[in-house]
C-alpha atoms as a PDB file:
ATOM      1  CA  MET A   1     -73.290  -2.331-231.335  1.00  0.00           C
ATOM      2  CA  SER A   2     -74.254  -5.940-230.453  1.00  0.00           C
ATOM      3  CA  VAL A   3     -77.791  -6.579-229.243  1.00  0.00           C
ATOM      4  CA  PRO A   4     -77.911  -8.646-226.050  1.00  0.00           C
ATOM      5  CA  GLU A   5     -79.476 -12.031-226.331  1.00  0.00           C
ATOM      6  CA  ASP A   6     -82.857 -12.581-224.855  1.00  0.00           C
ATOM      7  CA  GLU A   7     -82.412 -14.500-221.630  1.00  0.00           C
ATOM      8  CA  ASP A   8     -85.609 -16.327-222.288  1.00  0.00           C
ATOM      9  CA  SER A   9     -84.773 -17.359-225.766  1.00  0.00           C
ATOM     10  CA  PRO A  10     -84.687 -21.138-226.446  1.00  0.00           C
ATOM     11  CA  SER A  11     -81.380 -23.032-226.381  1.00  0.00           C
ATOM     12  CA  PRO A  12     -79.976 -24.013-229.794  1.00  0.00           C
ATOM     13  CA  LEU A  13     -81.086 -27.551-229.461  1.00  0.00           C
ATOM     14  CA  ALA A  14     -84.673 -26.596-228.603  1.00  0.00           C
ATOM     15  CA  GLN A  15     -84.714 -24.001-231.347  1.00  0.00           C
ATOM     16  CA  ARG A  16     -83.256 -26.137-234.135  1.00  0.00           C
ATOM     17  CA  TRP A  17     -85.021 -29.472-233.213  1.00  0.00           C
ATOM     18  CA  PRO A  18     -88.049 -28.513-231.034  1.00  0.00           C
ATOM     19  CA  ARG A  19     -89.763 -31.911-231.333  1.00  0.00           C
ATOM     20  CA  ALA A  20     -86.553 -33.914-230.881  1.00  0.00           C
ATOM     21  CA  SER A  21     -85.607 -31.963-227.780  1.00  0.00           C
ATOM     22  CA  LYS A  22     -89.075 -32.486-226.253  1.00  0.00           C
ATOM     23  CA  PHE A  23     -88.776 -36.188-227.066  1.00  0.00           C
ATOM     24  CA  LEU A  24     -85.538 -36.456-225.284  1.00  0.00           C
ATOM     25  CA  LEU A  25     -86.688 -34.327-222.282  1.00  0.00           C
ATOM     26  CA  SER A  26     -89.753 -36.391-221.776  1.00  0.00           C
ATOM     27  CA  GLY A  27     -87.700 -39.551-222.136  1.00  0.00           C
ATOM     28  CA  CYS A  28     -85.397 -38.332-219.385  1.00  0.00           C
ATOM     29  CA  ALA A  29     -88.252 -37.389-217.056  1.00  0.00           C
ATOM     30  CA  ALA A  30     -89.901 -40.831-217.660  1.00  0.00           C
ATOM     31  CA  THR A  31     -86.696 -42.639-216.781  1.00  0.00           C
ATOM     32  CA  VAL A  32     -86.446 -40.921-213.433  1.00  0.00           C
ATOM     33  CA  ALA A  33     -90.118 -41.667-212.704  1.00  0.00           C
ATOM     34  CA  GLU A  34     -89.799 -45.373-213.808  1.00  0.00           C
ATOM     35  CA  LEU A  35     -86.831 -46.083-211.555  1.00  0.00           C
ATOM     36  CA  ALA A  36     -88.503 -44.549-208.596  1.00  0.00           C
ATOM     37  CA  THR A  37     -91.813 -46.397-208.936  1.00  0.00           C
ATOM     38  CA  PHE A  38     -90.979 -49.633-210.740  1.00  0.00           C
ATOM     39  CA  PRO A  39     -91.408 -52.007-207.768  1.00  0.00           C
ATOM     40  CA  LEU A  40     -95.064 -51.045-207.575  1.00  0.00           C
ATOM     41  CA  ASP A  41     -95.415 -51.792-211.266  1.00  0.00           C
ATOM     42  CA  LEU A  42     -94.008 -55.275-210.783  1.00  0.00           C
ATOM     43  CA  THR A  43     -96.224 -55.934-207.773  1.00  0.00           C
ATOM     44  CA  LYS A  44     -99.274 -54.747-209.900  1.00  0.00           C
ATOM     45  CA  THR A  45     -98.347 -57.105-212.649  1.00  0.00           C
ATOM     46  CA  ARG A  46     -97.973 -60.176-210.397  1.00  0.00           C
ATOM     47  CA  LEU A  47    -101.326 -59.312-208.720  1.00  0.00           C
ATOM     48  CA  GLN A  48    -103.038 -59.148-212.014  1.00  0.00           C
ATOM     49  CA  MET A  49    -101.899 -62.686-212.967  1.00  0.00           C
ATOM     50  CA  GLN A  50    -103.066 -64.310-209.709  1.00  0.00           C
ATOM     51  CA  GLY A  51    -106.135 -66.529-210.017  1.00  0.00           C
ATOM     52  CA  GLU A  52    -106.204 -66.384-213.837  1.00  0.00           C
ATOM     53  CA  ALA A  53    -109.341 -68.622-214.500  1.00  0.00           C
ATOM     54  CA  ALA A  54    -108.360 -69.286-218.188  1.00  0.00           C
ATOM     55  CA  LEU A  55    -105.237 -71.308-217.024  1.00  0.00           C
ATOM     56  CA  ALA A  56    -107.496 -74.215-216.001  1.00  0.00           C
ATOM     57  CA  ARG A  57    -107.884 -75.091-219.608  1.00  0.00           C
ATOM     58  CA  LEU A  58    -104.199 -76.030-219.765  1.00  0.00           C
ATOM     59  CA  GLY A  59    -104.624 -78.617-217.058  1.00  0.00           C
ATOM     60  CA  ASP A  60    -103.966 -78.742-213.386  1.00  0.00           C
ATOM     61  CA  SER A  61    -100.227 -78.574-213.766  1.00  0.00           C
ATOM     62  CA  ALA A  62    -100.591 -75.147-215.239  1.00  0.00           C
ATOM     63  CA  LYS A  63    -102.734 -73.686-212.452  1.00  0.00           C
ATOM     64  CA  GLU A  64    -101.248 -71.188-210.190  1.00  0.00           C
ATOM     65  CA  SER A  65     -99.849 -72.665-206.987  1.00  0.00           C
ATOM     66  CA  ALA A  66     -99.279 -69.342-205.127  1.00  0.00           C
ATOM     67  CA  PRO A  67    -102.144 -68.276-202.783  1.00  0.00           C
ATOM     68  CA  TYR A  68    -103.971 -65.042-203.173  1.00  0.00           C
ATOM     69  CA  ARG A  69    -102.020 -62.198-201.657  1.00  0.00           C
ATOM     70  CA  GLY A  70    -102.555 -58.460-201.299  1.00  0.00           C
ATOM     71  CA  MET A  71    -100.194 -55.775-202.473  1.00  0.00           C
ATOM     72  CA  VAL A  72     -97.997 -55.666-199.334  1.00  0.00           C
ATOM     73  CA  ARG A  73     -97.774 -59.494-198.974  1.00  0.00           C
ATOM     74  CA  THR A  74     -97.024 -59.833-202.808  1.00  0.00           C
ATOM     75  CA  ALA A  75     -94.220 -57.210-202.484  1.00  0.00           C
ATOM     76  CA  LEU A  76     -92.828 -58.857-199.323  1.00  0.00           C
ATOM     77  CA  GLY A  77     -93.094 -62.252-200.933  1.00  0.00           C
ATOM     78  CA  ILE A  78     -90.990 -61.131-203.885  1.00  0.00           C
ATOM     79  CA  VAL A  79     -88.233 -59.838-201.576  1.00  0.00           C
ATOM     80  CA  GLN A  80     -88.244 -62.909-199.343  1.00  0.00           C
ATOM     81  CA  GLU A  81     -88.476 -65.565-202.077  1.00  0.00           C
ATOM     82  CA  GLU A  82     -86.556 -63.948-204.909  1.00  0.00           C
ATOM     83  CA  GLY A  83     -84.461 -61.121-203.417  1.00  0.00           C
ATOM     84  CA  PHE A  84     -84.757 -57.363-202.956  1.00  0.00           C
ATOM     85  CA  LEU A  85     -83.291 -56.469-206.324  1.00  0.00           C
ATOM     86  CA  LYS A  86     -85.944 -58.606-208.087  1.00  0.00           C
ATOM     87  CA  LEU A  87     -88.346 -55.729-207.364  1.00  0.00           C
ATOM     88  CA  TRP A  88     -86.602 -54.082-210.414  1.00  0.00           C
ATOM     89  CA  GLN A  89     -86.744 -57.204-212.584  1.00  0.00           C
ATOM     90  CA  GLY A  90     -87.776 -56.011-216.101  1.00  0.00           C
ATOM     91  CA  VAL A  91     -86.785 -52.379-215.466  1.00  0.00           C
ATOM     92  CA  THR A  92     -84.467 -52.121-218.390  1.00  0.00           C
ATOM     93  CA  PRO A  93     -87.180 -52.869-221.016  1.00  0.00           C
ATOM     94  CA  ALA A  94     -89.449 -50.615-219.032  1.00  0.00           C
ATOM     95  CA  ILE A  95     -87.100 -47.784-219.371  1.00  0.00           C
ATOM     96  CA  TYR A  96     -86.718 -48.510-223.096  1.00  0.00           C
ATOM     97  CA  ARG A  97     -90.502 -48.499-223.338  1.00  0.00           C
ATOM     98  CA  HIS A  98     -90.936 -45.248-221.540  1.00  0.00           C
ATOM     99  CA  VAL A  99     -88.379 -43.438-223.587  1.00  0.00           C
ATOM    100  CA  VAL A 100     -90.256 -44.308-226.690  1.00  0.00           C
ATOM    101  CA  TYR A 101     -93.800 -44.218-225.252  1.00  0.00           C
ATOM    102  CA  SER A 102     -93.413 -40.886-223.282  1.00  0.00           C
ATOM    103  CA  GLY A 103     -91.474 -39.234-226.041  1.00  0.00           C
ATOM    104  CA  GLY A 104     -94.002 -40.244-228.666  1.00  0.00           C
ATOM    105  CA  ARG A 105     -97.078 -39.272-226.648  1.00  0.00           C
ATOM    106  CA  MET A 106     -95.830 -35.894-225.447  1.00  0.00           C
ATOM    107  CA  VAL A 107     -94.616 -34.763-228.850  1.00  0.00           C
ATOM    108  CA  THR A 108     -97.917 -35.957-230.438  1.00  0.00           C
ATOM    109  CA  TYR A 109    -100.095 -34.292-227.881  1.00  0.00           C
ATOM    110  CA  GLU A 110     -98.349 -30.921-228.080  1.00  0.00           C
ATOM    111  CA  HIS A 111     -98.409 -31.023-231.877  1.00  0.00           C
ATOM    112  CA  LEU A 112    -102.105 -31.789-231.880  1.00  0.00           C
ATOM    113  CA  ARG A 113    -102.667 -29.018-229.314  1.00  0.00           C
ATOM    114  CA  GLU A 114    -100.536 -26.293-230.880  1.00  0.00           C
ATOM    115  CA  VAL A 115    -100.872 -27.006-234.557  1.00  0.00           C
ATOM    116  CA  VAL A 116    -103.765 -29.370-235.434  1.00  0.00           C
ATOM    117  CA  PHE A 117    -106.604 -28.366-233.041  1.00  0.00           C
ATOM    118  CA  GLY A 118    -105.244 -25.062-231.642  1.00  0.00           C
ATOM    119  CA  LYS A 119    -106.252 -23.163-228.564  1.00  0.00           C
ATOM    120  CA  ASN A 120    -108.984 -20.534-228.336  1.00  0.00           C
ATOM    121  CA  GLU A 121    -108.232 -16.845-228.472  1.00  0.00           C
ATOM    122  CA  ASP A 122    -108.188 -16.665-224.668  1.00  0.00           C
ATOM    123  CA  GLU A 123    -105.543 -19.416-224.680  1.00  0.00           C
ATOM    124  CA  HIS A 124    -108.153 -21.851-223.279  1.00  0.00           C
ATOM    125  CA  TYR A 125    -107.845 -25.451-224.678  1.00  0.00           C
ATOM    126  CA  PRO A 126    -111.334 -27.035-224.930  1.00  0.00           C
ATOM    127  CA  LEU A 127    -111.871 -30.219-222.951  1.00  0.00           C
ATOM    128  CA  TRP A 128    -113.136 -32.190-225.924  1.00  0.00           C
ATOM    129  CA  LYS A 129    -110.004 -31.333-227.984  1.00  0.00           C
ATOM    130  CA  SER A 130    -107.907 -32.379-225.039  1.00  0.00           C
ATOM    131  CA  VAL A 131    -109.680 -35.648-224.668  1.00  0.00           C
ATOM    132  CA  ILE A 132    -109.259 -36.469-228.397  1.00  0.00           C
ATOM    133  CA  GLY A 133    -105.540 -35.257-228.379  1.00  0.00           C
ATOM    134  CA  GLY A 134    -104.792 -37.301-225.233  1.00  0.00           C
ATOM    135  CA  MET A 135    -106.260 -40.559-226.650  1.00  0.00           C
ATOM    136  CA  MET A 136    -104.563 -40.109-230.011  1.00  0.00           C
ATOM    137  CA  ALA A 137    -101.189 -39.362-228.369  1.00  0.00           C
ATOM    138  CA  GLY A 138    -101.502 -42.493-226.209  1.00  0.00           C
ATOM    139  CA  VAL A 139    -102.458 -44.715-229.226  1.00  0.00           C
ATOM    140  CA  ILE A 140     -99.411 -43.508-231.246  1.00  0.00           C
ATOM    141  CA  GLY A 141     -96.982 -43.539-228.365  1.00  0.00           C
ATOM    142  CA  GLN A 142     -97.983 -47.069-227.219  1.00  0.00           C
ATOM    143  CA  PHE A 143     -98.037 -48.632-230.630  1.00  0.00           C
ATOM    144  CA  LEU A 144     -94.466 -47.481-231.172  1.00  0.00           C
ATOM    145  CA  ALA A 145     -93.427 -48.859-227.771  1.00  0.00           C
ATOM    146  CA  ASN A 146     -95.349 -52.184-227.880  1.00  0.00           C
ATOM    147  CA  PRO A 147     -92.323 -54.439-228.330  1.00  0.00           C
ATOM    148  CA  THR A 148     -90.654 -53.085-225.279  1.00  0.00           C
ATOM    149  CA  ASP A 149     -93.836 -53.311-223.323  1.00  0.00           C
ATOM    150  CA  LEU A 150     -94.189 -56.896-224.317  1.00  0.00           C
ATOM    151  CA  VAL A 151     -90.717 -57.835-223.082  1.00  0.00           C
ATOM    152  CA  LYS A 152     -91.198 -55.878-219.828  1.00  0.00           C
ATOM    153  CA  VAL A 153     -94.409 -57.818-218.910  1.00  0.00           C
ATOM    154  CA  GLN A 154     -92.938 -61.223-219.728  1.00  0.00           C
ATOM    155  CA  MET A 155     -89.667 -60.506-217.871  1.00  0.00           C
ATOM    156  CA  GLN A 156     -91.641 -59.362-214.797  1.00  0.00           C
ATOM    157  CA  MET A 157     -93.152 -62.914-214.549  1.00  0.00           C
ATOM    158  CA  GLU A 158     -89.720 -64.722-214.858  1.00  0.00           C
ATOM    159  CA  GLY A 159     -89.175 -64.793-210.993  1.00  0.00           C
ATOM    160  CA  LYS A 160     -92.610 -66.306-210.488  1.00  0.00           C
ATOM    161  CA  ARG A 161     -91.962 -69.058-213.085  1.00  0.00           C
ATOM    162  CA  LYS A 162     -88.656 -69.885-211.265  1.00  0.00           C
ATOM    163  CA  LEU A 163     -90.470 -70.330-207.974  1.00  0.00           C
ATOM    164  CA  GLU A 164     -93.136 -72.604-209.720  1.00  0.00           C
ATOM    165  CA  GLY A 165     -90.364 -74.788-211.065  1.00  0.00           C
ATOM    166  CA  LYS A 166     -90.906 -73.750-214.643  1.00  0.00           C
ATOM    167  CA  PRO A 167     -87.847 -73.078-216.908  1.00  0.00           C
ATOM    168  CA  LEU A 168     -86.938 -69.454-217.398  1.00  0.00           C
ATOM    169  CA  ARG A 169     -87.748 -68.155-220.856  1.00  0.00           C
ATOM    170  CA  PHE A 170     -85.110 -65.534-221.196  1.00  0.00           C
ATOM    171  CA  ARG A 171     -81.479 -64.807-220.155  1.00  0.00           C
ATOM    172  CA  GLY A 172     -81.856 -61.070-220.536  1.00  0.00           C
ATOM    173  CA  VAL A 173     -83.499 -58.199-222.348  1.00  0.00           C
ATOM    174  CA  HIS A 174     -81.781 -58.653-225.692  1.00  0.00           C
ATOM    175  CA  HIS A 175     -82.353 -62.458-225.559  1.00  0.00           C
ATOM    176  CA  ALA A 176     -86.060 -61.826-224.854  1.00  0.00           C
ATOM    177  CA  PHE A 177     -86.280 -59.634-227.939  1.00  0.00           C
ATOM    178  CA  ALA A 178     -84.498 -62.116-230.067  1.00  0.00           C
ATOM    179  CA  LYS A 179     -86.556 -65.077-228.847  1.00  0.00           C
ATOM    180  CA  ILE A 180     -89.839 -63.315-229.375  1.00  0.00           C
ATOM    181  CA  LEU A 181     -88.699 -62.222-232.847  1.00  0.00           C
ATOM    182  CA  ALA A 182     -87.553 -65.754-233.754  1.00  0.00           C
ATOM    183  CA  GLU A 183     -90.777 -67.459-232.468  1.00  0.00           C
ATOM    184  CA  GLY A 184     -93.334 -64.929-233.729  1.00  0.00           C
ATOM    185  CA  GLY A 185     -91.624 -62.802-236.267  1.00  0.00           C
ATOM    186  CA  ILE A 186     -92.078 -59.024-236.427  1.00  0.00           C
ATOM    187  CA  ARG A 187     -95.729 -59.636-235.806  1.00  0.00           C
ATOM    188  CA  GLY A 188     -94.849 -61.368-232.550  1.00  0.00           C
ATOM    189  CA  LEU A 189     -93.291 -58.064-231.113  1.00  0.00           C
ATOM    190  CA  TRP A 190     -96.793 -56.544-231.446  1.00  0.00           C
ATOM    191  CA  ALA A 191     -98.618 -59.287-229.616  1.00  0.00           C
ATOM    192  CA  GLY A 192    -101.347 -57.667-227.458  1.00  0.00           C
ATOM    193  CA  TRP A 193    -101.067 -54.266-229.233  1.00  0.00           C
ATOM    194  CA  VAL A 194    -104.845 -53.924-229.404  1.00  0.00           C
ATOM    195  CA  PRO A 195    -105.541 -53.936-225.699  1.00  0.00           C
ATOM    196  CA  ASN A 196    -102.295 -52.132-225.180  1.00  0.00           C
ATOM    197  CA  ILE A 197    -103.353 -49.127-227.219  1.00  0.00           C
ATOM    198  CA  GLN A 198    -106.813 -49.297-225.820  1.00  0.00           C
ATOM    199  CA  ARG A 199    -105.220 -48.951-222.309  1.00  0.00           C
ATOM    200  CA  ALA A 200    -102.910 -46.201-223.485  1.00  0.00           C
ATOM    201  CA  ALA A 201    -105.804 -44.212-224.898  1.00  0.00           C
ATOM    202  CA  LEU A 202    -107.730 -44.464-221.643  1.00  0.00           C
ATOM    203  CA  VAL A 203    -104.606 -43.783-219.462  1.00  0.00           C
ATOM    204  CA  ASN A 204    -103.693 -40.706-221.527  1.00  0.00           C
ATOM    205  CA  MET A 205    -107.169 -39.440-221.610  1.00  0.00           C
ATOM    206  CA  GLY A 206    -106.754 -39.458-217.870  1.00  0.00           C
ATOM    207  CA  ASP A 207    -103.171 -38.369-217.583  1.00  0.00           C
ATOM    208  CA  LEU A 208    -102.540 -35.899-220.370  1.00  0.00           C
ATOM    209  CA  THR A 209    -106.103 -34.496-220.467  1.00  0.00           C
ATOM    210  CA  THR A 210    -106.445 -34.146-216.727  1.00  0.00           C
ATOM    211  CA  TYR A 211    -102.958 -32.679-216.154  1.00  0.00           C
ATOM    212  CA  ASP A 212    -103.340 -30.086-219.088  1.00  0.00           C
ATOM    213  CA  THR A 213    -106.956 -29.210-218.061  1.00  0.00           C
ATOM    214  CA  VAL A 214    -106.333 -28.888-214.317  1.00  0.00           C
ATOM    215  CA  LYS A 215    -103.027 -26.993-214.755  1.00  0.00           C
ATOM    216  CA  HIS A 216    -104.383 -24.354-217.134  1.00  0.00           C
ATOM    217  CA  TYR A 217    -107.650 -24.054-215.118  1.00  0.00           C
ATOM    218  CA  LEU A 218    -105.596 -23.295-211.990  1.00  0.00           C
ATOM    219  CA  VAL A 219    -103.459 -20.856-213.838  1.00  0.00           C
ATOM    220  CA  LEU A 220    -106.272 -19.017-215.496  1.00  0.00           C
ATOM    221  CA  ASN A 221    -108.818 -19.053-212.696  1.00  0.00           C
ATOM    222  CA  THR A 222    -107.011 -19.070-209.392  1.00  0.00           C
ATOM    223  CA  PRO A 223    -104.127 -17.128-207.809  1.00  0.00           C
ATOM    224  CA  LEU A 224    -101.800 -20.028-208.460  1.00  0.00           C
ATOM    225  CA  GLU A 225     -99.006 -19.386-210.936  1.00  0.00           C
ATOM    226  CA  ASP A 226     -97.365 -21.828-213.358  1.00  0.00           C
ATOM    227  CA  ASN A 227     -95.091 -23.229-210.649  1.00  0.00           C
ATOM    228  CA  ILE A 228     -94.236 -26.489-208.771  1.00  0.00           C
ATOM    229  CA  MET A 229     -97.361 -26.130-206.629  1.00  0.00           C
ATOM    230  CA  THR A 230     -99.634 -26.097-209.689  1.00  0.00           C
ATOM    231  CA  HIS A 231     -97.654 -28.875-211.325  1.00  0.00           C
ATOM    232  CA  GLY A 232     -97.958 -31.061-208.268  1.00  0.00           C
ATOM    233  CA  LEU A 233    -101.729 -30.544-207.769  1.00  0.00           C
ATOM    234  CA  SER A 234    -102.294 -31.239-211.506  1.00  0.00           C
ATOM    235  CA  SER A 235    -100.207 -34.400-211.488  1.00  0.00           C
ATOM    236  CA  LEU A 236    -101.938 -35.845-208.422  1.00  0.00           C
ATOM    237  CA  CYS A 237    -105.317 -35.366-210.185  1.00  0.00           C
ATOM    238  CA  SER A 238    -104.030 -36.933-213.447  1.00  0.00           C
ATOM    239  CA  GLY A 239    -102.571 -39.999-211.638  1.00  0.00           C
ATOM    240  CA  LEU A 240    -105.890 -40.828-209.998  1.00  0.00           C
ATOM    241  CA  VAL A 241    -108.025 -40.373-213.095  1.00  0.00           C
ATOM    242  CA  ALA A 242    -105.505 -42.405-215.236  1.00  0.00           C
ATOM    243  CA  SER A 243    -105.638 -45.270-212.774  1.00  0.00           C
ATOM    244  CA  ILE A 244    -109.404 -45.433-212.654  1.00  0.00           C
ATOM    245  CA  LEU A 245    -109.699 -45.430-216.444  1.00  0.00           C
ATOM    246  CA  GLY A 246    -106.672 -47.586-217.249  1.00  0.00           C
ATOM    247  CA  THR A 247    -106.743 -50.424-214.684  1.00  0.00           C
ATOM    248  CA  PRO A 248    -109.316 -52.764-216.560  1.00  0.00           C
ATOM    249  CA  ALA A 249    -107.505 -52.438-219.822  1.00  0.00           C
ATOM    250  CA  ASP A 250    -104.219 -52.891-218.097  1.00  0.00           C
ATOM    251  CA  VAL A 251    -105.341 -56.277-216.623  1.00  0.00           C
ATOM    252  CA  ILE A 252    -106.484 -57.478-220.058  1.00  0.00           C
ATOM    253  CA  LYS A 253    -103.264 -56.237-221.696  1.00  0.00           C
ATOM    254  CA  SER A 254    -101.014 -57.975-219.163  1.00  0.00           C
ATOM    255  CA  ARG A 255    -102.853 -61.286-219.449  1.00  0.00           C
ATOM    256  CA  ILE A 256    -102.781 -61.320-223.246  1.00  0.00           C
ATOM    257  CA  MET A 257     -99.101 -60.407-223.355  1.00  0.00           C
ATOM    258  CA  ASN A 258     -98.183 -63.063-220.783  1.00  0.00           C
ATOM    259  CA  GLN A 259    -100.244 -65.994-222.093  1.00  0.00           C
ATOM    260  CA  PRO A 260     -98.446 -68.983-223.606  1.00  0.00           C
ATOM    261  CA  ARG A 261     -98.368 -69.159-227.378  1.00  0.00           C
ATOM    262  CA  ASP A 262     -98.149 -71.773-230.032  1.00  0.00           C
ATOM    263  CA  LYS A 263     -95.419 -72.047-232.727  1.00  0.00           C
ATOM    264  CA  GLN A 264     -97.387 -69.562-234.965  1.00  0.00           C
ATOM    265  CA  GLY A 265     -97.367 -67.055-232.182  1.00  0.00           C
ATOM    266  CA  ARG A 266    -101.154 -67.408-231.490  1.00  0.00           C
ATOM    267  CA  GLY A 267    -102.332 -67.238-227.904  1.00  0.00           C
ATOM    268  CA  LEU A 268    -103.524 -70.442-226.195  1.00  0.00           C
ATOM    269  CA  LEU A 269    -105.737 -68.802-223.651  1.00  0.00           C
ATOM    270  CA  TYR A 270    -107.451 -65.859-225.312  1.00  0.00           C
ATOM    271  CA  LYS A 271    -108.577 -65.201-228.878  1.00  0.00           C
ATOM    272  CA  SER A 272    -108.820 -61.430-228.451  1.00  0.00           C
ATOM    273  CA  SER A 273    -108.961 -58.674-225.836  1.00  0.00           C
ATOM    274  CA  THR A 274    -112.742 -59.033-225.852  1.00  0.00           C
ATOM    275  CA  ASP A 275    -112.466 -62.803-225.237  1.00  0.00           C
ATOM    276  CA  CYS A 276    -110.079 -62.122-222.370  1.00  0.00           C
ATOM    277  CA  LEU A 277    -112.516 -59.592-220.907  1.00  0.00           C
ATOM    278  CA  VAL A 278    -115.442 -62.033-221.125  1.00  0.00           C
ATOM    279  CA  GLN A 279    -113.445 -64.930-219.545  1.00  0.00           C
ATOM    280  CA  ALA A 280    -112.164 -62.714-216.680  1.00  0.00           C
ATOM    281  CA  VAL A 281    -115.648 -61.393-215.812  1.00  0.00           C
ATOM    282  CA  GLN A 282    -117.315 -64.777-216.123  1.00  0.00           C
ATOM    283  CA  GLY A 283    -114.647 -66.759-214.380  1.00  0.00           C
ATOM    284  CA  GLU A 284    -113.552 -64.355-211.691  1.00  0.00           C
ATOM    285  CA  GLY A 285    -116.173 -61.586-211.518  1.00  0.00           C
ATOM    286  CA  PHE A 286    -116.295 -58.011-212.591  1.00  0.00           C
ATOM    287  CA  MET A 287    -113.903 -56.824-209.783  1.00  0.00           C
ATOM    288  CA  SER A 288    -111.179 -58.978-211.356  1.00  0.00           C
ATOM    289  CA  LEU A 289    -110.742 -56.125-213.815  1.00  0.00           C
ATOM    290  CA  TYR A 290    -109.486 -54.025-210.932  1.00  0.00           C
ATOM    291  CA  LYS A 291    -106.916 -56.549-209.615  1.00  0.00           C
ATOM    292  CA  GLY A 292    -103.864 -54.582-208.890  1.00  0.00           C
ATOM    293  CA  PHE A 293    -105.799 -51.281-208.603  1.00  0.00           C
ATOM    294  CA  LEU A 294    -104.136 -50.233-205.326  1.00  0.00           C
ATOM    295  CA  PRO A 295    -100.506 -50.686-206.466  1.00  0.00           C
ATOM    296  CA  SER A 296    -101.454 -49.250-209.858  1.00  0.00           C
ATOM    297  CA  TRP A 297    -102.880 -46.153-208.200  1.00  0.00           C
ATOM    298  CA  LEU A 298    -100.103 -45.934-205.719  1.00  0.00           C
ATOM    299  CA  ARG A 299     -97.625 -46.219-208.577  1.00  0.00           C
ATOM    300  CA  MET A 300     -99.411 -44.034-211.029  1.00  0.00           C
ATOM    301  CA  THR A 301     -99.786 -41.152-208.656  1.00  0.00           C
ATOM    302  CA  PRO A 302     -96.102 -40.798-207.670  1.00  0.00           C
ATOM    303  CA  TRP A 303     -95.055 -41.662-211.284  1.00  0.00           C
ATOM    304  CA  SER A 304     -97.133 -38.868-212.546  1.00  0.00           C
ATOM    305  CA  LEU A 305     -95.884 -36.555-209.811  1.00  0.00           C
ATOM    306  CA  VAL A 306     -92.236 -37.325-210.436  1.00  0.00           C
ATOM    307  CA  PHE A 307     -92.687 -37.250-214.190  1.00  0.00           C
ATOM    308  CA  TRP A 308     -94.455 -34.026-214.495  1.00  0.00           C
ATOM    309  CA  LEU A 309     -92.366 -32.116-211.916  1.00  0.00           C
ATOM    310  CA  THR A 310     -89.208 -33.381-213.648  1.00  0.00           C
ATOM    311  CA  TYR A 311     -90.409 -32.718-217.077  1.00  0.00           C
ATOM    312  CA  GLU A 312     -91.561 -29.183-216.368  1.00  0.00           C
ATOM    313  CA  LYS A 313     -88.267 -28.466-214.546  1.00  0.00           C
ATOM    314  CA  ILE A 314     -85.938 -29.799-217.267  1.00  0.00           C
ATOM    315  CA  ARG A 315     -88.101 -27.943-219.944  1.00  0.00           C
ATOM    316  CA  GLU A 316     -87.400 -24.766-217.839  1.00  0.00           C
ATOM    317  CA  LEU A 317     -83.696 -25.466-217.573  1.00  0.00           C
ATOM    318  CA  SER A 318     -83.401 -26.255-221.294  1.00  0.00           C
ATOM    319  CA  GLY A 319     -85.184 -23.090-222.321  1.00  0.00           C
ATOM    320  CA  VAL A 320     -88.306 -24.880-223.632  1.00  0.00           C
ATOM    321  CA  SER A 321     -91.686 -23.190-222.819  1.00  0.00           C
ATOM    322  CA  PRO A 322     -93.785 -24.803-220.050  1.00  0.00           C
ATOM    323  CA  PHE A 323     -96.181 -27.580-221.024  1.00  0.00           C
END
């Protein structure tokens, strides 16, 4: 007599390749979230480049001609001056980036939580373990995804270069990869990786750590169950904390990645992330580190909401246990 299969048993893919299936599922969720919120990311990047004091070293012709604008005026300016679809300029490398980045960070974090650090007997995951796990997951995921992030940032600035009368650097995503590789070699694809992983560590300490901690606190200490309400509340908290922690590092990262370079691939404006930080604070003030915070927060919150709700749902549909 045959024994009926357990309805809650994992699907064959999840059972045979648990890490690969989680990587793919997180990549799918990240793609949905990226497409939904990318215009805010583009607006944020443009704002972070405005008033860059270090450009003065390259002469008056290199100074920015565009006036200071807030988030709404910047977004409207992009639509009016470049076209509505330009709000998604650079979305292809952004999706490439998030498939690698989100897949890497999610798989790493869960491996650290379940295998390396482990939960307490009461299923509680200590905050200090979650903080370390979140930061390590962010570092690994972002290091793997750095080439795609580099291309995304540079392509997001192409429309602005066109308006300033400067020649476009790339014909498309693959041309951008090829050109960066030809000019800087393999090392050139990891330009700005130090501030990038610093930002990723802070963002994931805010995102993964906050989401995991808040979700399990709500499940264990309130009448709420592991459902869409809990996922939504947890993701809203994680988006806010991630924005507060990650915006200064994001400003530094964007500037280092977008700076002009010599034939050896060395930056012409900044020697390091520390040098960029010092120049920004001295030349523009401390609050320059929070340029683009509003669109960053407005993007991070819905991004986190869409990602976590999608991720939890497709895990459920695929037979994978909840995060």
